Amino acid sequence: MERNKFNPQKVVIYAAVTIVALFMYVILHELGHCIAVWLQGGIVTEFSIIDWDSHMSYKGITGYNPLVDVMGAFFPITLLLLFVLSLGLKARVYMSKYL
């Protein structure tokens, strides 16, 4: 049995996909914070994803707000789960034509 040979093109493709996925996660993470602020009537005053210190600032919500913190992680994970579930449903519908 022959082992897979090193393929530099695959390494470049995997690295590019990883970088894009991380960038998309950061965007969705910060967007999740913004959605939580908007849902509570606050105003987003700053949104930055350009540098390594991605962040957002808001006003109009007083005190500590755990929903704003939780939505940062919850929003991208929820979208990922919905995407995966939709792929499963599409595959199931596709396969049902042939069963």
N, C-alpha and C. Protein backbone atom coordinates (compact mmCIF):
# COMPACT_ATOMS: atom_id res chain seq x y z
N MET A 1 0.84 -1.18 0.00
CA MET A 1 0.00 0.00 0.00
C MET A 1 0.89 1.24 0.00
N GLU A 2 0.66 2.09 -0.97
CA GLU A 2 1.49 3.28 -1.11
C GLU A 2 0.94 4.42 -0.24
N ARG A 3 1.84 5.09 0.44
CA ARG A 3 1.43 6.23 1.28
C ARG A 3 1.17 7.44 0.40
N ASN A 4 0.33 8.32 0.89
CA ASN A 4 0.07 9.55 0.15
C ASN A 4 1.33 10.39 0.09
N LYS A 5 1.63 10.89 -1.07
CA LYS A 5 2.80 11.73 -1.23
C LYS A 5 2.46 13.15 -0.81
N PHE A 6 3.49 13.87 -0.39
CA PHE A 6 3.32 15.26 0.01
C PHE A 6 2.87 16.08 -1.19
N ASN A 7 1.81 16.85 -0.99
CA ASN A 7 1.27 17.67 -2.07
C ASN A 7 1.24 19.12 -1.60
N PRO A 8 2.18 19.96 -2.07
CA PRO A 8 2.23 21.35 -1.62
C PRO A 8 0.98 22.14 -1.98
N GLN A 9 0.31 21.78 -3.06
CA GLN A 9 -0.91 22.50 -3.44
C GLN A 9 -2.01 22.29 -2.39
N LYS A 10 -2.10 21.08 -1.86
CA LYS A 10 -3.10 20.82 -0.82
C LYS A 10 -2.80 21.61 0.44
N VAL A 11 -1.52 21.74 0.77
CA VAL A 11 -1.13 22.51 1.96
C VAL A 11 -1.56 23.95 1.80
N VAL A 12 -1.33 24.53 0.63
CA VAL A 12 -1.71 25.92 0.37
C VAL A 12 -3.23 26.07 0.43
N ILE A 13 -3.95 25.13 -0.14
CA ILE A 13 -5.41 25.20 -0.13
C ILE A 13 -5.94 25.08 1.30
N TYR A 14 -5.43 24.12 2.07
CA TYR A 14 -5.87 23.96 3.46
C TYR A 14 -5.54 25.20 4.30
N ALA A 15 -4.37 25.78 4.07
CA ALA A 15 -3.99 27.00 4.80
C ALA A 15 -4.92 28.15 4.44
N ALA A 16 -5.24 28.30 3.16
CA ALA A 16 -6.13 29.37 2.74
C ALA A 16 -7.54 29.19 3.31
N VAL A 17 -8.03 27.96 3.29
CA VAL A 17 -9.36 27.68 3.84
C VAL A 17 -9.38 27.97 5.34
N THR A 18 -8.32 27.61 6.04
CA THR A 18 -8.24 27.86 7.48
C THR A 18 -8.23 29.35 7.78
N ILE A 19 -7.46 30.11 7.02
CA ILE A 19 -7.39 31.57 7.24
C ILE A 19 -8.75 32.21 6.97
N VAL A 20 -9.40 31.82 5.88
CA VAL A 20 -10.72 32.38 5.57
C VAL A 20 -11.74 31.99 6.65
N ALA A 21 -11.69 30.74 7.12
CA ALA A 21 -12.62 30.30 8.17
C ALA A 21 -12.41 31.08 9.46
N LEU A 22 -11.16 31.30 9.84
CA LEU A 22 -10.89 32.09 11.05
C LEU A 22 -11.37 33.53 10.89
N PHE A 23 -11.14 34.11 9.72
CA PHE A 23 -11.59 35.48 9.48
C PHE A 23 -13.12 35.56 9.54
N MET A 24 -13.80 34.58 8.94
CA MET A 24 -15.26 34.57 8.99
C MET A 24 -15.77 34.39 10.42
N TYR A 25 -15.07 33.55 11.21
CA TYR A 25 -15.49 33.38 12.59
C TYR A 25 -15.39 34.69 13.37
N VAL A 26 -14.29 35.43 13.15
CA VAL A 26 -14.12 36.71 13.86
C VAL A 26 -15.23 37.68 13.47
N ILE A 27 -15.54 37.75 12.17
CA ILE A 27 -16.63 38.63 11.72
C ILE A 27 -17.95 38.24 12.38
N LEU A 28 -18.28 36.95 12.35
CA LEU A 28 -19.55 36.50 12.93
C LEU A 28 -19.56 36.66 14.45
N HIS A 29 -18.41 36.47 15.09
CA HIS A 29 -18.31 36.65 16.54
C HIS A 29 -18.66 38.09 16.92
N GLU A 30 -18.02 39.04 16.27
CA GLU A 30 -18.29 40.45 16.58
C GLU A 30 -19.71 40.84 16.17
N LEU A 31 -20.19 40.28 15.07
CA LEU A 31 -21.56 40.56 14.64
C LEU A 31 -22.57 40.03 15.67
N GLY A 32 -22.26 38.91 16.29
CA GLY A 32 -23.12 38.38 17.35
C GLY A 32 -23.25 39.36 18.51
N HIS A 33 -22.13 39.97 18.91
CA HIS A 33 -22.19 41.00 19.96
C HIS A 33 -23.08 42.16 19.51
N CYS A 34 -22.92 42.58 18.26
CA CYS A 34 -23.71 43.71 17.74
C CYS A 34 -25.20 43.39 17.73
N ILE A 35 -25.55 42.19 17.31
CA ILE A 35 -26.97 41.81 17.28
C ILE A 35 -27.57 41.85 18.67
N ALA A 36 -26.82 41.39 19.67
CA ALA A 36 -27.32 41.42 21.05
C ALA A 36 -27.54 42.86 21.51
N VAL A 37 -26.65 43.75 21.14
CA VAL A 37 -26.81 45.16 21.50
C VAL A 37 -28.04 45.75 20.81
N TRP A 38 -28.20 45.48 19.52
CA TRP A 38 -29.34 46.02 18.78
C TRP A 38 -30.66 45.48 19.32
N LEU A 39 -30.69 44.20 19.68
CA LEU A 39 -31.93 43.61 20.20
C LEU A 39 -32.35 44.25 21.53
N GLN A 40 -31.41 44.81 22.25
CA GLN A 40 -31.72 45.43 23.54
C GLN A 40 -31.84 46.95 23.43
N GLY A 41 -31.85 47.47 22.22
CA GLY A 41 -32.05 48.91 22.02
C GLY A 41 -30.79 49.74 22.13
N GLY A 42 -29.64 49.12 22.17
CA GLY A 42 -28.38 49.85 22.24
C GLY A 42 -27.92 50.29 20.86
N ILE A 43 -26.84 51.06 20.86
CA ILE A 43 -26.26 51.58 19.62
C ILE A 43 -24.81 51.12 19.55
N VAL A 44 -24.43 50.52 18.44
CA VAL A 44 -23.04 50.11 18.23
C VAL A 44 -22.27 51.34 17.77
N THR A 45 -21.24 51.71 18.52
CA THR A 45 -20.48 52.91 18.19
C THR A 45 -19.17 52.61 17.47
N GLU A 46 -18.70 51.37 17.58
CA GLU A 46 -17.45 51.00 16.91
C GLU A 46 -17.46 49.51 16.61
N PHE A 47 -16.95 49.18 15.40
CA PHE A 47 -16.87 47.78 14.97
C PHE A 47 -15.56 47.65 14.21
N SER A 48 -14.64 46.83 14.72
CA SER A 48 -13.33 46.70 14.07
C SER A 48 -12.92 45.24 14.00
N ILE A 49 -12.53 44.83 12.80
CA ILE A 49 -12.00 43.48 12.61
C ILE A 49 -10.70 43.52 11.82
N ILE A 50 -10.15 44.69 11.64
CA ILE A 50 -8.98 44.86 10.78
C ILE A 50 -7.70 44.34 11.43
N ASP A 51 -7.47 44.66 12.65
CA ASP A 51 -6.22 44.26 13.31
C ASP A 51 -6.44 43.05 14.21
N TRP A 52 -5.41 42.64 14.90
CA TRP A 52 -5.52 41.48 15.79
C TRP A 52 -6.38 41.76 17.01
N ASP A 53 -6.70 43.03 17.23
CA ASP A 53 -7.51 43.42 18.38
C ASP A 53 -8.93 43.72 17.91
N SER A 54 -9.60 42.72 17.36
CA SER A 54 -10.97 42.94 16.88
C SER A 54 -11.87 43.23 18.08
N HIS A 55 -12.78 44.17 17.89
CA HIS A 55 -13.65 44.57 18.99
C HIS A 55 -14.83 45.36 18.47
N MET A 56 -15.78 45.56 19.36
CA MET A 56 -16.90 46.46 19.09
C MET A 56 -17.23 47.19 20.38
N SER A 57 -17.75 48.39 20.23
CA SER A 57 -18.15 49.20 21.38
C SER A 57 -19.61 49.60 21.19
N TYR A 58 -20.26 49.85 22.30
CA TYR A 58 -21.67 50.21 22.22
C TYR A 58 -22.03 51.15 23.36
N LYS A 59 -23.20 51.77 23.21
CA LYS A 59 -23.75 52.61 24.28
C LYS A 59 -25.26 52.39 24.31
N GLY A 60 -25.86 52.82 25.39
CA GLY A 60 -27.30 52.69 25.52
C GLY A 60 -27.74 51.52 26.39
N ILE A 61 -26.79 50.69 26.80
CA ILE A 61 -27.10 49.57 27.70
C ILE A 61 -26.22 49.76 28.93
N THR A 62 -26.84 49.88 30.08
CA THR A 62 -26.07 50.15 31.29
C THR A 62 -25.76 48.88 32.04
N GLY A 63 -24.65 48.89 32.73
CA GLY A 63 -24.26 47.76 33.57
C GLY A 63 -23.73 46.59 32.75
N TYR A 64 -23.36 45.54 33.46
CA TYR A 64 -22.85 44.34 32.82
C TYR A 64 -23.99 43.61 32.14
N ASN A 65 -23.77 43.18 30.91
CA ASN A 65 -24.82 42.50 30.16
C ASN A 65 -24.28 41.16 29.63
N PRO A 66 -24.62 40.06 30.26
CA PRO A 66 -24.09 38.77 29.83
C PRO A 66 -24.56 38.35 28.44
N LEU A 67 -25.73 38.81 28.00
CA LEU A 67 -26.21 38.44 26.67
C LEU A 67 -25.26 38.93 25.58
N VAL A 68 -24.72 40.12 25.76
CA VAL A 68 -23.77 40.66 24.77
C VAL A 68 -22.52 39.78 24.73
N ASP A 69 -22.07 39.32 25.86
CA ASP A 69 -20.89 38.45 25.89
C ASP A 69 -21.18 37.09 25.26
N VAL A 70 -22.29 36.49 25.62
CA VAL A 70 -22.60 35.14 25.17
C VAL A 70 -22.87 35.09 23.66
N MET A 71 -23.50 36.12 23.13
CA MET A 71 -23.84 36.12 21.71
C MET A 71 -22.61 36.11 20.81
N GLY A 72 -21.46 36.53 21.32
CA GLY A 72 -20.24 36.48 20.53
C GLY A 72 -19.90 35.07 20.11
N ALA A 73 -20.02 34.13 21.03
CA ALA A 73 -19.73 32.73 20.71
C ALA A 73 -20.96 32.01 20.16
N PHE A 74 -22.13 32.37 20.66
CA PHE A 74 -23.36 31.66 20.31
C PHE A 74 -23.75 31.85 18.84
N PHE A 75 -23.61 33.07 18.32
CA PHE A 75 -24.07 33.37 16.97
C PHE A 75 -23.33 32.57 15.89
N PRO A 76 -21.97 32.56 15.86
CA PRO A 76 -21.31 31.77 14.81
C PRO A 76 -21.53 30.27 14.95
N ILE A 77 -21.60 29.78 16.18
CA ILE A 77 -21.82 28.34 16.38
C ILE A 77 -23.23 27.96 15.91
N THR A 78 -24.21 28.80 16.19
CA THR A 78 -25.58 28.54 15.75
C THR A 78 -25.67 28.52 14.23
N LEU A 79 -25.02 29.49 13.58
CA LEU A 79 -25.03 29.51 12.12
C LEU A 79 -24.36 28.27 11.55
N LEU A 80 -23.27 27.85 12.16
CA LEU A 80 -22.58 26.64 11.69
C LEU A 80 -23.48 25.41 11.82
N LEU A 81 -24.16 25.28 12.96
CA LEU A 81 -25.06 24.15 13.16
C LEU A 81 -26.22 24.16 12.16
N LEU A 82 -26.79 25.33 11.91
CA LEU A 82 -27.86 25.43 10.93
C LEU A 82 -27.37 25.06 9.53
N PHE A 83 -26.16 25.48 9.20
CA PHE A 83 -25.58 25.16 7.90
C PHE A 83 -25.37 23.65 7.76
N VAL A 84 -24.81 23.03 8.79
CA VAL A 84 -24.57 21.59 8.75
C VAL A 84 -25.90 20.83 8.67
N LEU A 85 -26.88 21.26 9.44
CA LEU A 85 -28.19 20.60 9.39
C LEU A 85 -28.84 20.75 8.02
N SER A 86 -28.69 21.93 7.42
CA SER A 86 -29.28 22.12 6.09
C SER A 86 -28.61 21.22 5.06
N LEU A 87 -27.30 21.00 5.21
CA LEU A 87 -26.62 20.08 4.30
C LEU A 87 -27.14 18.67 4.48
N GLY A 88 -27.38 18.28 5.72
CA GLY A 88 -27.92 16.96 5.99
C GLY A 88 -29.30 16.78 5.42
N LEU A 89 -30.14 17.81 5.52
CA LEU A 89 -31.49 17.73 4.97
C LEU A 89 -31.46 17.65 3.45
N LYS A 90 -30.58 18.43 2.83
CA LYS A 90 -30.47 18.39 1.37
C LYS A 90 -29.99 17.02 0.92
N ALA A 91 -29.03 16.45 1.64
CA ALA A 91 -28.52 15.13 1.28
C ALA A 91 -29.62 14.08 1.43
N ARG A 92 -30.40 14.20 2.49
CA ARG A 92 -31.47 13.24 2.72
C ARG A 92 -32.53 13.32 1.62
N VAL A 93 -32.89 14.55 1.21
CA VAL A 93 -33.87 14.72 0.14
C VAL A 93 -33.31 14.19 -1.17
N TYR A 94 -32.05 14.46 -1.44
CA TYR A 94 -31.40 13.97 -2.66
C TYR A 94 -31.38 12.45 -2.70
N MET A 95 -31.02 11.85 -1.57
CA MET A 95 -30.92 10.38 -1.53
C MET A 95 -32.31 9.72 -1.61
N SER A 96 -33.35 10.40 -1.12
CA SER A 96 -34.68 9.81 -1.13
C SER A 96 -35.19 9.59 -2.56
N LYS A 97 -34.66 10.32 -3.53
CA LYS A 97 -35.05 10.13 -4.91
C LYS A 97 -34.60 8.77 -5.44
N TYR A 98 -33.51 8.26 -4.87
CA TYR A 98 -32.91 7.04 -5.38
C TYR A 98 -33.19 5.81 -4.52
N LEU A 99 -33.90 5.98 -3.44
CA LEU A 99 -34.19 4.83 -2.56
C LEU A 99 -35.54 4.24 -2.85
